[in-house]
Structures are given as C-alpha cells and as structure tokens.
Amino acid sequence: MSNPLDSVRTAFDKAVGPHRKRQNLMAQLKEPDVGKDRRAQLVKEAAQLESEWIDALIGLWKAMEESSVLRGKKGA
C-alpha cells in the first residue's frame, strides 16, 4: 500500500534540489576570488536553477492540492 503523501514528498524533493544547488552557487558568487567569466557562468546557472525551482514549486503546490490527506486538513 502506498502512502497518500508520496506524491507530495516526491514533489518536495524535486523542489528542494534546485533550491539547494542555487544556494550553493550564490555562496560561490560571494567569494572574492571569483573571476569575471566564472561569475557570469554562475549567474547564468543560478538563473536556470531559479526557473527550475519555480517550476518544481508549482508541481509541489499541485501535488498538495491533489492530496486527499492535505485536502482533509485544509479546513481544520
């Protein structure tokens, strides 16, 4: 028997991955010895991860809306 929250957990994991990667890139950008070319690459990668993260958050929101367990808790 599968857990009714499995789809929500999966969607959450998909959303967390790009967010953590982006945080790591942002930390690298703050380092003083990052060259101009590397900085441009990090900014580009961070923008792509931001887009992936937003898409994953939308997926998480949809999974939460479809979850019978969470739908039952909505009014409580």
PDB file of N, CA and C in Angstrom:
ATOM      1  N   MET A   1       0.849  -1.175   0.000  1.00  0.00           N
ATOM      2  CA  MET A   1       0.000   0.000   0.000  1.00  0.00           C
ATOM      3  C   MET A   1       0.896   1.240   0.000  1.00  0.00           C
ATOM      4  N   SER A   2       0.589   2.161  -0.862  1.00  0.00           N
ATOM      5  CA  SER A   2       1.413   3.370  -0.909  1.00  0.00           C
ATOM      6  C   SER A   2       0.840   4.445   0.012  1.00  0.00           C
ATOM      7  N   ASN A   3       1.704   5.276   0.468  1.00  0.00           N
ATOM      8  CA  ASN A   3       1.333   6.380   1.331  1.00  0.00           C
ATOM      9  C   ASN A   3       0.688   7.476   0.489  1.00  0.00           C
ATOM     10  N   PRO A   4      -0.430   8.049   0.925  1.00  0.00           N
ATOM     11  CA  PRO A   4      -1.084   9.094   0.135  1.00  0.00           C
ATOM     12  C   PRO A   4      -0.241  10.369   0.011  1.00  0.00           C
ATOM     13  N   LEU A   5       0.772  10.502   0.827  1.00  0.00           N
ATOM     14  CA  LEU A   5       1.628  11.692   0.749  1.00  0.00           C
ATOM     15  C   LEU A   5       2.883  11.470  -0.090  1.00  0.00           C
ATOM     16  N   ASP A   6       3.029  10.299  -0.700  1.00  0.00           N
ATOM     17  CA  ASP A   6       4.213  10.010  -1.511  1.00  0.00           C
ATOM     18  C   ASP A   6       4.395  11.008  -2.645  1.00  0.00           C
ATOM     19  N   SER A   7       3.318  11.373  -3.313  1.00  0.00           N
ATOM     20  CA  SER A   7       3.435  12.324  -4.428  1.00  0.00           C
ATOM     21  C   SER A   7       3.878  13.699  -3.925  1.00  0.00           C
ATOM     22  N   VAL A   8       3.432  14.067  -2.736  1.00  0.00           N
ATOM     23  CA  VAL A   8       3.837  15.359  -2.152  1.00  0.00           C
ATOM     24  C   VAL A   8       5.313  15.309  -1.769  1.00  0.00           C
ATOM     25  N   ARG A   9       5.748  14.208  -1.193  1.00  0.00           N
ATOM     26  CA  ARG A   9       7.166  14.067  -0.824  1.00  0.00           C
ATOM     27  C   ARG A   9       8.060  14.116  -2.056  1.00  0.00           C
ATOM     28  N   THR A  10       7.653  13.444  -3.105  1.00  0.00           N
ATOM     29  CA  THR A  10       8.424  13.439  -4.347  1.00  0.00           C
ATOM     30  C   THR A  10       8.518  14.851  -4.922  1.00  0.00           C
ATOM     31  N   ALA A  11       7.391  15.550  -4.952  1.00  0.00           N
ATOM     32  CA  ALA A  11       7.378  16.922  -5.474  1.00  0.00           C
ATOM     33  C   ALA A  11       8.234  17.837  -4.604  1.00  0.00           C
ATOM     34  N   PHE A  12       8.206  17.634  -3.294  1.00  0.00           N
ATOM     35  CA  PHE A  12       9.023  18.430  -2.385  1.00  0.00           C
ATOM     36  C   PHE A  12      10.505  18.203  -2.650  1.00  0.00           C
ATOM     37  N   ASP A  13      10.879  16.936  -2.799  1.00  0.00           N
ATOM     38  CA  ASP A  13      12.280  16.611  -3.084  1.00  0.00           C
ATOM     39  C   ASP A  13      12.744  17.241  -4.391  1.00  0.00           C
ATOM     40  N   LYS A  14      11.871  17.259  -5.388  1.00  0.00           N
ATOM     41  CA  LYS A  14      12.206  17.884  -6.669  1.00  0.00           C
ATOM     42  C   LYS A  14      12.403  19.394  -6.504  1.00  0.00           C
ATOM     43  N   ALA A  15      11.658  20.003  -5.603  1.00  0.00           N
ATOM     44  CA  ALA A  15      11.770  21.448  -5.384  1.00  0.00           C
ATOM     45  C   ALA A  15      13.002  21.807  -4.556  1.00  0.00           C
ATOM     46  N   VAL A  16      13.362  20.949  -3.636  1.00  0.00           N
ATOM     47  CA  VAL A  16      14.492  21.230  -2.748  1.00  0.00           C
ATOM     48  C   VAL A  16      15.827  21.167  -3.499  1.00  0.00           C
ATOM     49  N   GLY A  17      15.944  20.237  -4.421  1.00  0.00           N
ATOM     50  CA  GLY A  17      17.203  20.058  -5.154  1.00  0.00           C
ATOM     51  C   GLY A  17      17.699  21.327  -5.842  1.00  0.00           C
ATOM     52  N   PRO A  18      16.898  21.926  -6.736  1.00  0.00           N
ATOM     53  CA  PRO A  18      17.346  23.149  -7.404  1.00  0.00           C
ATOM     54  C   PRO A  18      17.585  24.301  -6.427  1.00  0.00           C
ATOM     55  N   HIS A  19      16.791  24.357  -5.361  1.00  0.00           N
ATOM     56  CA  HIS A  19      16.964  25.432  -4.378  1.00  0.00           C
ATOM     57  C   HIS A  19      18.323  25.324  -3.685  1.00  0.00           C
ATOM     58  N   ARG A  20      18.682  24.126  -3.274  1.00  0.00           N
ATOM     59  CA  ARG A  20      19.974  23.923  -2.602  1.00  0.00           C
ATOM     60  C   ARG A  20      21.144  24.192  -3.549  1.00  0.00           C
ATOM     61  N   LYS A  21      21.008  23.730  -4.786  1.00  0.00           N
ATOM     62  CA  LYS A  21      22.065  23.984  -5.772  1.00  0.00           C
ATOM     63  C   LYS A  21      22.234  25.476  -6.001  1.00  0.00           C
ATOM     64  N   ARG A  22      21.118  26.193  -6.091  1.00  0.00           N
ATOM     65  CA  ARG A  22      21.182  27.638  -6.300  1.00  0.00           C
ATOM     66  C   ARG A  22      21.831  28.333  -5.102  1.00  0.00           C
ATOM     67  N   GLN A  23      21.494  27.901  -3.898  1.00  0.00           N
ATOM     68  CA  GLN A  23      22.111  28.475  -2.704  1.00  0.00           C
ATOM     69  C   GLN A  23      23.622  28.281  -2.732  1.00  0.00           C
ATOM     70  N   ASN A  24      24.063  27.116  -3.165  1.00  0.00           N
ATOM     71  CA  ASN A  24      25.484  26.826  -3.267  1.00  0.00           C
ATOM     72  C   ASN A  24      26.147  27.772  -4.280  1.00  0.00           C
ATOM     73  N   LEU A  25      25.503  27.965  -5.427  1.00  0.00           N
ATOM     74  CA  LEU A  25      26.047  28.872  -6.438  1.00  0.00           C
ATOM     75  C   LEU A  25      26.120  30.305  -5.914  1.00  0.00           C
ATOM     76  N   MET A  26      25.096  30.713  -5.186  1.00  0.00           N
ATOM     77  CA  MET A  26      25.087  32.075  -4.649  1.00  0.00           C
ATOM     78  C   MET A  26      26.218  32.263  -3.632  1.00  0.00           C
ATOM     79  N   ALA A  27      26.515  31.227  -2.873  1.00  0.00           N
ATOM     80  CA  ALA A  27      27.632  31.291  -1.929  1.00  0.00           C
ATOM     81  C   ALA A  27      28.950  31.425  -2.679  1.00  0.00           C
ATOM     82  N   GLN A  28      29.079  30.707  -3.793  1.00  0.00           N
ATOM     83  CA  GLN A  28      30.294  30.804  -4.601  1.00  0.00           C
ATOM     84  C   GLN A  28      30.446  32.206  -5.186  1.00  0.00           C
ATOM     85  N   LEU A  29      29.339  32.822  -5.551  1.00  0.00           N
ATOM     86  CA  LEU A  29      29.386  34.180  -6.114  1.00  0.00           C
ATOM     87  C   LEU A  29      29.909  35.202  -5.100  1.00  0.00           C
ATOM     88  N   LYS A  30      29.709  34.937  -3.834  1.00  0.00           N
ATOM     89  CA  LYS A  30      30.144  35.863  -2.791  1.00  0.00           C
ATOM     90  C   LYS A  30      31.638  35.779  -2.503  1.00  0.00           C
ATOM     91  N   GLU A  31      32.277  34.745  -3.010  1.00  0.00           N
ATOM     92  CA  GLU A  31      33.710  34.592  -2.776  1.00  0.00           C
ATOM     93  C   GLU A  31      34.472  35.667  -3.557  1.00  0.00           C
ATOM     94  N   PRO A  32      35.492  36.263  -2.933  1.00  0.00           N
ATOM     95  CA  PRO A  32      36.201  37.380  -3.562  1.00  0.00           C
ATOM     96  C   PRO A  32      37.080  37.000  -4.757  1.00  0.00           C
ATOM     97  N   ASP A  33      37.476  35.751  -4.849  1.00  0.00           N
ATOM     98  CA  ASP A  33      38.403  35.358  -5.911  1.00  0.00           C
ATOM     99  C   ASP A  33      37.720  34.776  -7.150  1.00  0.00           C
ATOM    100  N   VAL A  34      36.423  35.009  -7.323  1.00  0.00           N
ATOM    101  CA  VAL A  34      35.697  34.507  -8.481  1.00  0.00           C
ATOM    102  C   VAL A  34      35.973  35.438  -9.663  1.00  0.00           C
ATOM    103  N   GLY A  35      36.464  34.858 -10.737  1.00  0.00           N
ATOM    104  CA  GLY A  35      36.774  35.636 -11.930  1.00  0.00           C
ATOM    105  C   GLY A  35      35.526  36.072 -12.679  1.00  0.00           C
ATOM    106  N   LYS A  36      35.731  36.986 -13.610  1.00  0.00           N
ATOM    107  CA  LYS A  36      34.627  37.560 -14.370  1.00  0.00           C
ATOM    108  C   LYS A  36      33.871  36.492 -15.173  1.00  0.00           C
ATOM    109  N   ASP A  37      34.605  35.624 -15.858  1.00  0.00           N
ATOM    110  CA  ASP A  37      33.978  34.579 -16.661  1.00  0.00           C
ATOM    111  C   ASP A  37      33.224  33.585 -15.781  1.00  0.00           C
ATOM    112  N   ARG A  38      33.854  33.192 -14.695  1.00  0.00           N
ATOM    113  CA  ARG A  38      33.218  32.239 -13.770  1.00  0.00           C
ATOM    114  C   ARG A  38      31.979  32.870 -13.146  1.00  0.00           C
ATOM    115  N   ARG A  39      32.051  34.151 -12.795  1.00  0.00           N
ATOM    116  CA  ARG A  39      30.913  34.859 -12.213  1.00  0.00           C
ATOM    117  C   ARG A  39      29.732  34.858 -13.193  1.00  0.00           C
ATOM    118  N   ALA A  40      30.015  35.137 -14.467  1.00  0.00           N
ATOM    119  CA  ALA A  40      28.957  35.148 -15.485  1.00  0.00           C
ATOM    120  C   ALA A  40      28.332  33.761 -15.623  1.00  0.00           C
ATOM    121  N   GLN A  41      29.158  32.720 -15.576  1.00  0.00           N
ATOM    122  CA  GLN A  41      28.656  31.356 -15.670  1.00  0.00           C
ATOM    123  C   GLN A  41      27.777  31.021 -14.466  1.00  0.00           C
ATOM    124  N   LEU A  42      28.221  31.414 -13.272  1.00  0.00           N
ATOM    125  CA  LEU A  42      27.448  31.137 -12.058  1.00  0.00           C
ATOM    126  C   LEU A  42      26.105  31.858 -12.080  1.00  0.00           C
ATOM    127  N   VAL A  43      26.096  33.094 -12.563  1.00  0.00           N
ATOM    128  CA  VAL A  43      24.854  33.857 -12.642  1.00  0.00           C
ATOM    129  C   VAL A  43      23.884  33.171 -13.607  1.00  0.00           C
ATOM    130  N   LYS A  44      24.396  32.717 -14.730  1.00  0.00           N
ATOM    131  CA  LYS A  44      23.560  32.030 -15.717  1.00  0.00           C
ATOM    132  C   LYS A  44      22.989  30.733 -15.135  1.00  0.00           C
ATOM    133  N   GLU A  45      23.828  29.958 -14.466  1.00  0.00           N
ATOM    134  CA  GLU A  45      23.377  28.713 -13.854  1.00  0.00           C
ATOM    135  C   GLU A  45      22.348  28.985 -12.751  1.00  0.00           C
ATOM    136  N   ALA A  46      22.575  30.024 -11.968  1.00  0.00           N
ATOM    137  CA  ALA A  46      21.645  30.370 -10.890  1.00  0.00           C
ATOM    138  C   ALA A  46      20.281  30.758 -11.455  1.00  0.00           C
ATOM    139  N   ALA A  47      20.278  31.483 -12.567  1.00  0.00           N
ATOM    140  CA  ALA A  47      19.010  31.870 -13.199  1.00  0.00           C
ATOM    141  C   ALA A  47      18.265  30.635 -13.699  1.00  0.00           C
ATOM    142  N   GLN A  48      18.990  29.686 -14.269  1.00  0.00           N
ATOM    143  CA  GLN A  48      18.362  28.446 -14.748  1.00  0.00           C
ATOM    144  C   GLN A  48      17.793  27.657 -13.573  1.00  0.00           C
ATOM    145  N   LEU A  49      18.549  27.563 -12.491  1.00  0.00           N
ATOM    146  CA  LEU A  49      18.074  26.835 -11.311  1.00  0.00           C
ATOM    147  C   LEU A  49      16.865  27.528 -10.689  1.00  0.00           C
ATOM    148  N   GLU A  50      16.833  28.849 -10.733  1.00  0.00           N
ATOM    149  CA  GLU A  50      15.680  29.596 -10.226  1.00  0.00           C
ATOM    150  C   GLU A  50      14.427  29.206 -11.008  1.00  0.00           C
ATOM    151  N   SER A  51      14.569  29.116 -12.313  1.00  0.00           N
ATOM    152  CA  SER A  51      13.450  28.724 -13.164  1.00  0.00           C
ATOM    153  C   SER A  51      12.999  27.293 -12.849  1.00  0.00           C
ATOM    154  N   GLU A  52      13.952  26.386 -12.703  1.00  0.00           N
ATOM    155  CA  GLU A  52      13.627  25.000 -12.359  1.00  0.00           C
ATOM    156  C   GLU A  52      12.945  24.927 -10.994  1.00  0.00           C
ATOM    157  N   TRP A  53      13.419  25.739 -10.058  1.00  0.00           N
ATOM    158  CA  TRP A  53      12.863  25.735  -8.714  1.00  0.00           C
ATOM    159  C   TRP A  53      11.410  26.211  -8.732  1.00  0.00           C
ATOM    160  N   ILE A  54      11.139  27.264  -9.482  1.00  0.00           N
ATOM    161  CA  ILE A  54       9.768  27.775  -9.569  1.00  0.00           C
ATOM    162  C   ILE A  54       8.849  26.725 -10.180  1.00  0.00           C
ATOM    163  N   ASP A  55       9.309  26.074 -11.248  1.00  0.00           N
ATOM    164  CA  ASP A  55       8.507  25.012 -11.861  1.00  0.00           C
ATOM    165  C   ASP A  55       8.253  23.877 -10.873  1.00  0.00           C
ATOM    166  N   ALA A  56       9.260  23.534 -10.099  1.00  0.00           N
ATOM    167  CA  ALA A  56       9.115  22.460  -9.108  1.00  0.00           C
ATOM    168  C   ALA A  56       8.165  22.874  -7.987  1.00  0.00           C
ATOM    169  N   LEU A  57       8.187  24.148  -7.606  1.00  0.00           N
ATOM    170  CA  LEU A  57       7.258  24.631  -6.578  1.00  0.00           C
ATOM    171  C   LEU A  57       5.815  24.557  -7.068  1.00  0.00           C
ATOM    172  N   ILE A  58       5.624  24.849  -8.336  1.00  0.00           N
ATOM    173  CA  ILE A  58       4.279  24.732  -8.909  1.00  0.00           C
ATOM    174  C   ILE A  58       3.832  23.271  -8.868  1.00  0.00           C
ATOM    175  N   GLY A  59       4.748  22.361  -9.191  1.00  0.00           N
ATOM    176  CA  GLY A  59       4.445  20.933  -9.090  1.00  0.00           C
ATOM    177  C   GLY A  59       4.113  20.521  -7.664  1.00  0.00           C
ATOM    178  N   LEU A  60       4.841  21.072  -6.705  1.00  0.00           N
ATOM    179  CA  LEU A  60       4.573  20.788  -5.291  1.00  0.00           C
ATOM    180  C   LEU A  60       3.197  21.296  -4.895  1.00  0.00           C
ATOM    181  N   TRP A  61       2.883  22.495  -5.301  1.00  0.00           N
ATOM    182  CA  TRP A  61       1.581  23.081  -4.993  1.00  0.00           C
ATOM    183  C   TRP A  61       0.455  22.204  -5.550  1.00  0.00           C
ATOM    184  N   LYS A  62       0.607  21.752  -6.797  1.00  0.00           N
ATOM    185  CA  LYS A  62      -0.407  20.892  -7.415  1.00  0.00           C
ATOM    186  C   LYS A  62      -0.531  19.565  -6.670  1.00  0.00           C
ATOM    187  N   ALA A  63       0.604  18.980  -6.292  1.00  0.00           N
ATOM    188  CA  ALA A  63       0.569  17.722  -5.549  1.00  0.00           C
ATOM    189  C   ALA A  63      -0.123  17.900  -4.206  1.00  0.00           C
ATOM    190  N   MET A  64       0.105  19.033  -3.570  1.00  0.00           N
ATOM    191  CA  MET A  64      -0.542  19.304  -2.288  1.00  0.00           C
ATOM    192  C   MET A  64      -2.048  19.500  -2.471  1.00  0.00           C
ATOM    193  N   GLU A  65      -2.427  20.165  -3.540  1.00  0.00           N
ATOM    194  CA  GLU A  65      -3.851  20.369  -3.823  1.00  0.00           C
ATOM    195  C   GLU A  65      -4.564  19.044  -4.093  1.00  0.00           C
ATOM    196  N   GLU A  66      -3.866  18.109  -4.734  1.00  0.00           N
ATOM    197  CA  GLU A  66      -4.464  16.823  -5.105  1.00  0.00           C
ATOM    198  C   GLU A  66      -4.429  15.798  -3.978  1.00  0.00           C
ATOM    199  N   SER A  67      -3.668  16.059  -2.937  1.00  0.00           N
ATOM    200  CA  SER A  67      -3.527  15.107  -1.843  1.00  0.00           C
ATOM    201  C   SER A  67      -4.808  15.046  -1.009  1.00  0.00           C
ATOM    202  N   SER A  68      -5.347  13.848  -0.894  1.00  0.00           N
ATOM    203  CA  SER A  68      -6.568  13.678  -0.107  1.00  0.00           C
ATOM    204  C   SER A  68      -6.302  13.950   1.375  1.00  0.00           C
ATOM    205  N   VAL A  69      -5.123  13.620   1.834  1.00  0.00           N
ATOM    206  CA  VAL A  69      -4.773  13.843   3.242  1.00  0.00           C
ATOM    207  C   VAL A  69      -4.724  15.343   3.543  1.00  0.00           C
ATOM    208  N   LEU A  70      -4.040  16.096   2.696  1.00  0.00           N
ATOM    209  CA  LEU A  70      -3.931  17.536   2.930  1.00  0.00           C
ATOM    210  C   LEU A  70      -5.243  18.257   2.664  1.00  0.00           C
ATOM    211  N   ARG A  71      -6.001  17.774   1.710  1.00  0.00           N
ATOM    212  CA  ARG A  71      -7.300  18.386   1.417  1.00  0.00           C
ATOM    213  C   ARG A  71      -8.204  18.272   2.637  1.00  0.00           C
ATOM    214  N   GLY A  72      -8.116  17.153   3.361  1.00  0.00           N
ATOM    215  CA  GLY A  72      -8.901  16.956   4.572  1.00  0.00           C
ATOM    216  C   GLY A  72      -8.470  17.863   5.709  1.00  0.00           C
ATOM    217  N   LYS A  73      -7.204  18.278   5.717  1.00  0.00           N
ATOM    218  CA  LYS A  73      -6.668  19.141   6.784  1.00  0.00           C
ATOM    219  C   LYS A  73      -6.902  20.619   6.479  1.00  0.00           C
ATOM    220  N   LYS A  74      -7.260  20.933   5.261  1.00  0.00           N
ATOM    221  CA  LYS A  74      -7.376  22.317   4.798  1.00  0.00           C
ATOM    222  C   LYS A  74      -8.325  23.143   5.680  1.00  0.00           C
ATOM    223  N   GLY A  75      -9.452  22.605   6.008  1.00  0.00           N
ATOM    224  CA  GLY A  75     -10.438  23.347   6.785  1.00  0.00           C
ATOM    225  C   GLY A  75     -10.188  23.298   8.284  1.00  0.00           C
ATOM    226  N   ALA A  76      -9.304  22.422   8.721  1.00  0.00           N
ATOM    227  CA  ALA A  76      -9.069  22.245  10.164  1.00  0.00           C
ATOM    228  C   ALA A  76      -8.181  23.312  10.734  1.00  0.00           C
TER     229      ALA A  76
END
